[in-house]
Amino acid sequence: MSEKVKPYKDSQLNKKQQVAQMFDNISKEYDGLNRVISFGIDVKWRKKVVDIVAKSKAKRILDIATGTGDLAINLAQTEAQEIIGLDISDGMLEVGRKKIAEKKLSDKITMTLGDSENIPFEDNSFDAITVAFGVRNFENLEKGLAEILRVLKPQGTFVILETSVPTKTPFKQGYKVYSKYILPTIGKVFSKDRSAYSYLSESASVFPYGETLNNILRQIGFSNVEDLPQTFGVATIYKATKL
């Protein structure tokens, strides 16, 4: 089980409630700051996720922790007939709905308020499920992954894009300096929520990655689990299926 890091250390709310509050607080600035913090490389990572899903020829896709809908919008390039973005932050969803409307994709993409650990859909509902930079925000990682397995169709594709920690020198040392000092500083300077980007940095540093997360996925019941490190290991794409 992953170590539980919360956005607001003095809050009495549980992690799930704090995460929703945090993303509501930063929803208006999130897209711009995200590009700055990742140097725009996250766009390339999402494209690789889309390519994986496109090969599965999924018709119905669920994008969990969809946020402002970047990945859901990109997934519209696939053969999917329906894409549902699920998130616990209504503030993030509202930003996403505006982006979707501007791109005239409202007939294909629906943004839904909901909890990844209690997904409001029936068993075996989706051909593919994606999560980009969201699994580390789950209150209970194993419960969230079990819910994903439940609503994924047999032979369905599951793809995670998540931060990870480089293991090779000098990238390991550079990442440590960046995540511990630079990222929180950028957040403090440009964000009205000073705790948010410290949390995002800290939660990334303690979240299981690589073979550790692979093994958790296998224990939950996923098959054909594979991890694909990106950009010297600062992020990783995980692929899995449901038998």
Protein backbone atom coordinates (compact mmCIF):
# COMPACT_ATOMS: atom_id res chain seq x y z
CA MET A 1 0.00 0.00 0.00
CA SER A 2 1.35 3.43 -0.94
CA GLU A 3 2.25 5.98 1.74
CA LYS A 4 -0.60 8.41 2.30
CA VAL A 5 0.35 12.03 1.65
CA LYS A 6 -2.33 14.72 1.93
CA PRO A 7 -2.43 18.23 0.43
CA TYR A 8 -3.30 20.08 3.65
CA LYS A 9 -1.53 18.76 6.74
CA ASP A 10 -3.66 20.79 9.19
CA SER A 11 -7.01 19.86 7.62
CA GLN A 12 -9.41 17.40 9.29
CA LEU A 13 -10.76 16.31 5.90
CA ASN A 14 -9.74 12.92 4.53
CA LYS A 15 -7.37 12.70 1.57
CA LYS A 16 -10.15 12.36 -0.99
CA GLN A 17 -11.90 15.50 0.25
CA GLN A 18 -8.61 17.41 0.41
CA VAL A 19 -7.68 16.42 -3.15
CA ALA A 20 -11.07 17.59 -4.42
CA GLN A 21 -10.65 20.89 -2.57
CA MET A 22 -7.10 21.34 -3.85
CA PHE A 23 -8.01 20.81 -7.50
CA ASP A 24 -11.04 23.09 -7.16
CA ASN A 25 -8.64 25.74 -5.85
CA ILE A 26 -6.12 25.45 -8.68
CA SER A 27 -8.48 24.52 -11.53
CA LYS A 28 -8.26 27.88 -13.34
CA GLU A 29 -4.46 27.93 -13.38
CA TYR A 30 -3.79 24.19 -13.68
CA ASP A 31 -3.33 23.85 -17.44
CA GLY A 32 -0.89 26.72 -17.75
CA LEU A 33 1.17 25.74 -14.73
CA ASN A 34 1.23 22.11 -15.81
CA ARG A 35 2.85 23.06 -19.12
CA VAL A 36 5.47 25.13 -17.29
CA ILE A 37 6.24 22.49 -14.66
CA SER A 38 6.62 19.65 -17.18
CA PHE A 39 8.31 21.84 -19.83
CA GLY A 40 5.48 20.72 -22.13
CA ILE A 41 6.75 17.12 -22.24
CA ASP A 42 3.46 15.86 -20.75
CA VAL A 43 1.85 16.51 -24.16
CA LYS A 44 4.18 13.94 -25.72
CA TRP A 45 3.45 11.42 -22.95
CA ARG A 46 -0.31 11.74 -23.43
CA LYS A 47 0.09 11.16 -27.17
CA LYS A 48 1.75 7.83 -26.41
CA VAL A 49 -1.20 6.87 -24.19
CA VAL A 50 -3.57 7.76 -27.05
CA ASP A 51 -1.54 5.61 -29.45
CA ILE A 52 -1.83 2.61 -27.10
CA VAL A 53 -5.60 3.06 -26.74
CA ALA A 54 -6.02 3.61 -30.48
CA LYS A 55 -4.42 0.22 -31.19
CA SER A 56 -7.06 -1.43 -28.99
CA LYS A 57 -9.82 0.05 -31.20
CA ALA A 58 -11.86 0.86 -28.10
CA LYS A 59 -15.36 2.19 -28.74
CA ARG A 60 -16.19 3.27 -25.18
CA ILE A 61 -13.48 4.84 -23.01
CA LEU A 62 -13.43 5.99 -19.39
CA ASP A 63 -10.79 8.58 -18.46
CA ILE A 64 -10.48 8.61 -14.66
CA ALA A 65 -9.13 11.65 -12.81
CA THR A 66 -9.74 13.45 -16.09
CA GLY A 67 -9.12 16.88 -14.57
CA THR A 68 -9.57 19.54 -17.23
CA GLY A 69 -9.97 16.87 -19.89
CA ASP A 70 -6.64 17.03 -21.76
CA LEU A 71 -6.37 13.26 -22.21
CA ALA A 72 -10.10 12.81 -22.88
CA ILE A 73 -9.86 15.41 -25.64
CA ASN A 74 -6.82 13.69 -27.14
CA LEU A 75 -8.62 10.35 -27.03
CA ALA A 76 -11.23 11.78 -29.40
CA GLN A 77 -8.63 11.11 -32.12
CA THR A 78 -9.20 7.37 -31.69
CA GLU A 79 -12.12 5.29 -33.01
CA ALA A 80 -14.00 5.80 -29.74
CA GLN A 81 -17.69 6.62 -30.08
CA GLU A 82 -18.06 7.65 -26.45
CA ILE A 83 -15.55 9.05 -23.96
CA ILE A 84 -16.45 9.73 -20.34
CA GLY A 85 -14.20 11.84 -18.15
CA LEU A 86 -14.60 11.18 -14.41
CA ASP A 87 -13.24 13.43 -11.67
CA ILE A 88 -13.97 14.41 -8.05
CA SER A 89 -13.24 18.11 -8.68
CA ASP A 90 -16.16 20.00 -10.18
CA GLY A 91 -13.87 23.00 -10.66
CA MET A 92 -11.58 21.00 -12.95
CA LEU A 93 -14.54 19.50 -14.79
CA GLU A 94 -16.00 22.95 -15.48
CA VAL A 95 -12.75 24.05 -17.11
CA GLY A 96 -12.78 20.82 -19.12
CA ARG A 97 -16.37 21.27 -20.28
CA LYS A 98 -15.50 24.68 -21.71
CA LYS A 99 -12.50 23.28 -23.57
CA ILE A 100 -14.60 20.42 -24.95
CA ALA A 101 -17.33 22.80 -26.10
CA GLU A 102 -14.78 25.06 -27.81
CA LYS A 103 -13.44 22.05 -29.71
CA LYS A 104 -17.01 20.97 -30.60
CA LEU A 105 -16.54 17.58 -28.95
CA SER A 106 -19.52 17.70 -26.56
CA ASP A 107 -21.33 15.04 -28.60
CA LYS A 108 -18.49 12.58 -27.97
CA ILE A 109 -17.05 13.53 -24.56
CA THR A 110 -19.04 13.72 -21.31
CA MET A 111 -17.55 15.07 -18.09
CA THR A 112 -18.92 13.40 -14.95
CA LEU A 113 -18.46 14.18 -11.28
CA GLY A 114 -17.56 10.95 -9.51
CA ASP A 115 -15.25 8.96 -7.27
CA SER A 116 -12.61 6.61 -8.69
CA GLU A 117 -13.10 4.31 -5.71
CA ASN A 118 -16.83 4.03 -6.28
CA ILE A 119 -17.17 4.28 -10.06
CA PRO A 120 -20.81 4.94 -11.00
CA PHE A 121 -20.95 2.42 -13.85
CA GLU A 122 -21.87 -1.24 -14.19
CA ASP A 123 -19.43 -4.13 -14.42
CA ASN A 124 -17.71 -4.64 -17.79
CA SER A 125 -18.77 -1.25 -19.18
CA PHE A 126 -15.66 0.05 -20.96
CA ASP A 127 -13.33 -1.16 -23.71
CA ALA A 128 -10.49 0.99 -22.39
CA ILE A 129 -9.77 2.96 -19.21
CA THR A 130 -7.07 5.58 -18.75
CA VAL A 131 -5.67 7.52 -15.79
CA ALA A 132 -3.14 10.32 -16.33
CA PHE A 133 -1.43 11.68 -13.22
CA GLY A 134 -4.33 10.56 -11.04
CA VAL A 135 -3.67 7.21 -9.36
CA ARG A 136 -1.38 8.74 -6.76
CA ASN A 137 -4.31 10.90 -5.62
CA PHE A 138 -6.49 7.89 -4.80
CA GLU A 139 -7.44 7.65 -1.12
CA ASN A 140 -7.06 3.87 -1.35
CA LEU A 141 -4.96 2.80 -4.35
CA GLU A 142 -5.94 -0.86 -4.25
CA LYS A 143 -9.65 -0.07 -3.98
CA GLY A 144 -9.48 2.34 -6.90
CA LEU A 145 -7.64 -0.17 -9.08
CA ALA A 146 -10.15 -2.90 -8.15
CA GLU A 147 -12.99 -0.62 -9.22
CA ILE A 148 -11.26 0.01 -12.53
CA LEU A 149 -10.88 -3.73 -13.08
CA ARG A 150 -14.59 -4.18 -12.29
CA VAL A 151 -15.86 -1.72 -14.93
CA LEU A 152 -13.32 -2.73 -17.60
CA LYS A 153 -14.58 -5.24 -20.15
CA PRO A 154 -12.83 -8.60 -20.55
CA GLN A 155 -9.90 -8.14 -22.96
CA GLY A 156 -10.15 -4.42 -22.26
CA THR A 157 -7.11 -2.13 -22.10
CA PHE A 158 -6.02 -0.18 -19.01
CA VAL A 159 -3.36 2.53 -19.30
CA ILE A 160 -1.82 4.60 -16.51
CA LEU A 161 0.43 7.63 -17.04
CA GLU A 162 2.05 8.64 -13.77
CA THR A 163 5.13 10.35 -12.41
CA SER A 164 7.99 8.14 -11.30
CA VAL A 165 11.50 8.57 -9.94
CA PRO A 166 14.56 8.17 -12.20
CA THR A 167 16.96 5.49 -11.00
CA LYS A 168 20.07 6.35 -13.04
CA THR A 169 22.69 9.03 -12.38
CA PRO A 170 22.60 12.01 -12.99
CA PHE A 171 18.84 12.04 -13.66
CA LYS A 172 18.05 10.69 -10.19
CA GLN A 173 19.89 13.56 -8.49
CA GLY A 174 18.51 16.17 -10.88
CA TYR A 175 14.95 14.96 -10.36
CA LYS A 176 15.37 15.10 -6.59
CA VAL A 177 16.50 18.74 -6.70
CA TYR A 178 13.76 19.70 -9.15
CA SER A 179 10.92 17.98 -7.29
CA LYS A 180 11.99 19.01 -3.79
CA TYR A 181 12.93 22.64 -4.43
CA ILE A 182 12.07 23.95 -7.89
CA LEU A 183 8.55 22.56 -8.42
CA PRO A 184 7.18 23.74 -5.02
CA THR A 185 8.78 27.17 -5.60
CA ILE A 186 7.09 27.52 -9.00
CA GLY A 187 3.79 26.59 -7.36
CA LYS A 188 4.23 29.13 -4.57
CA VAL A 189 5.07 31.92 -7.02
CA PHE A 190 2.32 31.29 -9.55
CA SER A 191 -0.45 29.55 -7.59
CA LYS A 192 -2.87 30.94 -5.04
CA ASP A 193 -2.79 27.55 -3.30
CA ARG A 194 0.72 27.29 -1.84
CA SER A 195 0.22 23.77 -0.51
CA ALA A 196 -0.97 22.22 -3.77
CA TYR A 197 2.31 21.96 -5.63
CA SER A 198 4.22 20.88 -2.54
CA TYR A 199 1.71 18.04 -2.24
CA LEU A 200 2.00 17.12 -5.93
CA SER A 201 5.77 16.94 -5.54
CA GLU A 202 5.73 14.99 -2.27
CA SER A 203 3.05 12.53 -3.40
CA ALA A 204 5.07 11.75 -6.52
CA SER A 205 8.20 11.02 -4.49
CA VAL A 206 6.55 8.36 -2.29
CA PHE A 207 4.21 6.73 -4.83
CA PRO A 208 5.09 3.17 -5.92
CA TYR A 209 6.42 2.96 -9.47
CA GLY A 210 7.95 0.51 -11.90
CA GLU A 211 7.86 -3.14 -10.85
CA THR A 212 6.32 -2.23 -7.49
CA LEU A 213 3.22 -0.81 -9.17
CA ASN A 214 3.28 -3.64 -11.72
CA ASN A 215 2.99 -6.13 -8.86
CA ILE A 216 0.10 -4.21 -7.28
CA LEU A 217 -1.73 -4.31 -10.62
CA ARG A 218 -1.14 -8.07 -10.87
CA GLN A 219 -2.35 -8.62 -7.30
CA ILE A 220 -5.58 -6.75 -8.12
CA GLY A 221 -6.14 -9.08 -11.07
CA PHE A 222 -4.76 -7.32 -14.15
CA SER A 223 -2.86 -9.32 -16.75
CA ASN A 224 -0.14 -8.57 -19.32
CA VAL A 225 1.19 -5.80 -17.11
CA GLU A 226 4.03 -3.76 -18.60
CA ASP A 227 5.75 -0.51 -17.65
CA LEU A 228 7.30 1.92 -20.13
CA PRO A 229 9.53 4.59 -18.50
CA GLN A 230 9.42 8.00 -20.19
CA THR A 231 12.02 10.80 -20.39
CA PHE A 232 14.78 9.24 -18.25
CA GLY A 233 12.16 7.79 -15.88
CA VAL A 234 10.47 10.99 -14.66
CA ALA A 235 7.17 9.46 -15.80
CA THR A 236 6.03 5.94 -16.61
CA ILE A 237 3.26 4.51 -18.79
CA TYR A 238 1.74 1.26 -17.52
CA LYS A 239 -0.24 -1.07 -19.79
CA ALA A 240 -2.49 -3.89 -18.57
CA THR A 241 -5.47 -5.93 -19.67
CA LYS A 242 -8.38 -7.78 -18.10
CA LEU A 243 -8.77 -11.43 -18.99
